[in-house]
Amino acid sequence: IEKFNIFDNELISRNKIAHYYKSNISSNLVTPPFIPENYTSSWAQFSVLAENKKERKRIINKLSENNIPSAIFYGIPLHLQKVFKNLNYKKNSFPISEKISDKIFSIPMHPYLDPIDQDRVIEILND
């Protein structure tokens, strides 16, 4: 409940951080997220897309070597997870979702992310 008192400020901070990431990630190997005009994200994560699974692994390793955390939150598309097995979806039922799950990973995102730390992440991604 206490978090509600600072929610608006944290949302503003997260959006500033996301804007900074999007404005400064210039690598052709990473695609930042797209938020349609007149929409706002709460930026629970800042997930980007690598060119492919192999490139994602290389980038994550490079981040890790530089003590920068990353995570793959969406490595298995929903339709292929055990919890939805009863729906009888198979591989290639949703090829776009499957393709994205091979490329997506998340970089540090929280409302108190220091600009210096953010610049380190951007530097590795743009390298």
Protein backbone atom coordinates (compact mmCIF):
# COMPACT_ATOMS: atom_id res chain seq x y z
CA ILE A 1 0.00 0.00 0.00
CA GLU A 2 2.89 2.34 0.72
CA LYS A 3 4.07 1.90 -2.85
CA PHE A 4 0.91 3.67 -4.08
CA ASN A 5 2.22 6.90 -2.54
CA ILE A 6 5.18 6.92 -4.94
CA PHE A 7 3.64 5.05 -7.87
CA ASP A 8 3.15 8.11 -10.10
CA ASN A 9 6.72 9.30 -9.52
CA GLU A 10 8.12 5.84 -10.19
CA LEU A 11 6.10 5.59 -13.38
CA ILE A 12 7.51 8.93 -14.55
CA SER A 13 11.04 7.77 -13.70
CA ARG A 14 10.59 4.47 -15.54
CA ASN A 15 9.34 6.27 -18.64
CA LYS A 16 12.31 8.68 -18.56
CA ILE A 17 14.68 5.73 -18.30
CA ALA A 18 12.91 3.90 -21.12
CA HIS A 19 13.04 7.02 -23.29
CA TYR A 20 16.76 7.36 -22.60
CA TYR A 21 17.35 3.72 -23.54
CA LYS A 22 15.31 4.05 -26.73
CA SER A 23 17.04 7.29 -27.70
CA ASN A 24 20.55 5.93 -27.18
CA ILE A 25 20.48 2.27 -28.18
CA SER A 26 21.75 2.52 -31.72
CA SER A 27 22.94 -1.01 -32.42
CA ASN A 28 21.49 -2.75 -35.46
CA LEU A 29 21.73 -5.98 -33.46
CA VAL A 30 19.13 -4.97 -30.87
CA THR A 31 15.58 -3.71 -31.41
CA PRO A 32 14.06 -1.72 -28.55
CA PRO A 33 10.37 -2.09 -27.69
CA PHE A 34 7.69 -0.13 -29.49
CA ILE A 35 4.95 1.65 -27.61
CA PRO A 36 2.23 3.14 -29.84
CA GLU A 37 1.60 6.86 -29.72
CA ASN A 38 -0.78 7.97 -26.94
CA TYR A 39 0.01 4.84 -24.88
CA THR A 40 2.10 4.58 -21.74
CA SER A 41 3.97 1.57 -20.43
CA SER A 42 4.68 0.87 -16.79
CA TRP A 43 7.98 -0.70 -17.93
CA ALA A 44 7.96 -3.66 -15.59
CA GLN A 45 10.80 -4.82 -17.83
CA PHE A 46 12.69 -3.25 -20.68
CA SER A 47 12.84 -6.09 -23.17
CA VAL A 48 14.74 -5.89 -26.42
CA LEU A 49 15.05 -8.21 -29.40
CA ALA A 50 18.35 -9.58 -30.64
CA GLU A 51 18.71 -10.67 -34.26
CA ASN A 52 18.49 -14.34 -33.29
CA LYS A 53 19.03 -16.80 -30.45
CA LYS A 54 22.78 -17.05 -31.04
CA GLU A 55 23.19 -13.27 -31.04
CA ARG A 56 21.06 -12.98 -27.90
CA LYS A 57 23.35 -15.41 -26.11
CA ARG A 58 26.43 -13.47 -27.23
CA ILE A 59 24.98 -10.16 -26.02
CA ILE A 60 23.84 -11.62 -22.69
CA ASN A 61 27.32 -13.09 -22.17
CA LYS A 62 28.90 -9.71 -22.93
CA LEU A 63 26.56 -8.02 -20.45
CA SER A 64 27.37 -10.66 -17.83
CA GLU A 65 31.12 -10.25 -18.37
CA ASN A 66 30.59 -6.60 -17.49
CA ASN A 67 28.52 -7.39 -14.38
CA ILE A 68 25.31 -6.20 -16.00
CA PRO A 69 22.30 -8.38 -15.24
CA SER A 70 19.86 -9.46 -17.91
CA ALA A 71 17.02 -11.95 -18.02
CA ILE A 72 14.95 -13.98 -20.43
CA PHE A 73 11.44 -13.72 -19.05
CA TYR A 74 9.67 -15.00 -22.13
CA GLY A 75 11.88 -17.85 -23.35
CA ILE A 76 9.00 -20.25 -23.93
CA PRO A 77 5.89 -18.97 -25.71
CA LEU A 78 2.70 -19.44 -23.71
CA HIS A 79 1.18 -21.95 -26.12
CA LEU A 80 4.17 -24.28 -25.61
CA GLN A 81 4.22 -24.12 -21.82
CA LYS A 82 3.08 -27.16 -19.84
CA VAL A 83 0.27 -25.24 -18.16
CA PHE A 84 -1.45 -24.84 -21.57
CA LYS A 85 -0.73 -28.36 -22.84
CA ASN A 86 -4.45 -29.19 -22.72
CA LEU A 87 -5.05 -26.62 -25.50
CA ASN A 88 -3.15 -28.95 -27.89
CA TYR A 89 -1.05 -26.26 -29.54
CA LYS A 90 2.12 -27.49 -31.17
CA LYS A 91 5.35 -25.94 -32.37
CA ASN A 92 4.62 -23.58 -35.29
CA SER A 93 1.07 -22.91 -34.08
CA PHE A 94 2.14 -19.31 -33.40
CA PRO A 95 5.36 -18.79 -35.37
CA ILE A 96 5.73 -15.08 -34.59
CA SER A 97 5.50 -15.72 -30.86
CA GLU A 98 8.03 -18.54 -31.18
CA LYS A 99 10.43 -16.38 -33.19
CA ILE A 100 10.25 -13.58 -30.63
CA SER A 101 10.81 -15.98 -27.73
CA ASP A 102 14.14 -16.94 -29.31
CA LYS A 103 15.27 -13.31 -29.52
CA ILE A 104 13.85 -11.45 -26.52
CA PHE A 105 15.73 -10.56 -23.35
CA SER A 106 15.47 -7.84 -20.73
CA ILE A 107 18.03 -5.33 -19.56
CA PRO A 108 18.10 -3.51 -16.21
CA MET A 109 14.99 -1.41 -15.55
CA HIS A 110 13.81 0.13 -12.32
CA PRO A 111 12.82 3.66 -11.32
CA TYR A 112 16.11 4.33 -9.53
CA LEU A 113 18.45 3.26 -12.33
CA ASP A 114 21.45 5.55 -12.30
CA PRO A 115 22.26 7.24 -15.65
CA ILE A 116 25.88 6.04 -15.35
CA ASP A 117 24.67 2.44 -15.07
CA GLN A 118 22.29 2.98 -17.94
CA ASP A 119 25.14 4.32 -20.07
CA ARG A 120 27.16 1.17 -19.32
CA VAL A 121 24.29 -1.01 -20.56
CA ILE A 122 23.89 1.12 -23.68
CA GLU A 123 27.64 1.02 -24.36
CA ILE A 124 27.68 -2.80 -24.29
CA LEU A 125 24.59 -3.05 -26.50
CA ASN A 126 25.99 -0.57 -29.02
CA ASP A 127 29.46 -2.18 -29.05
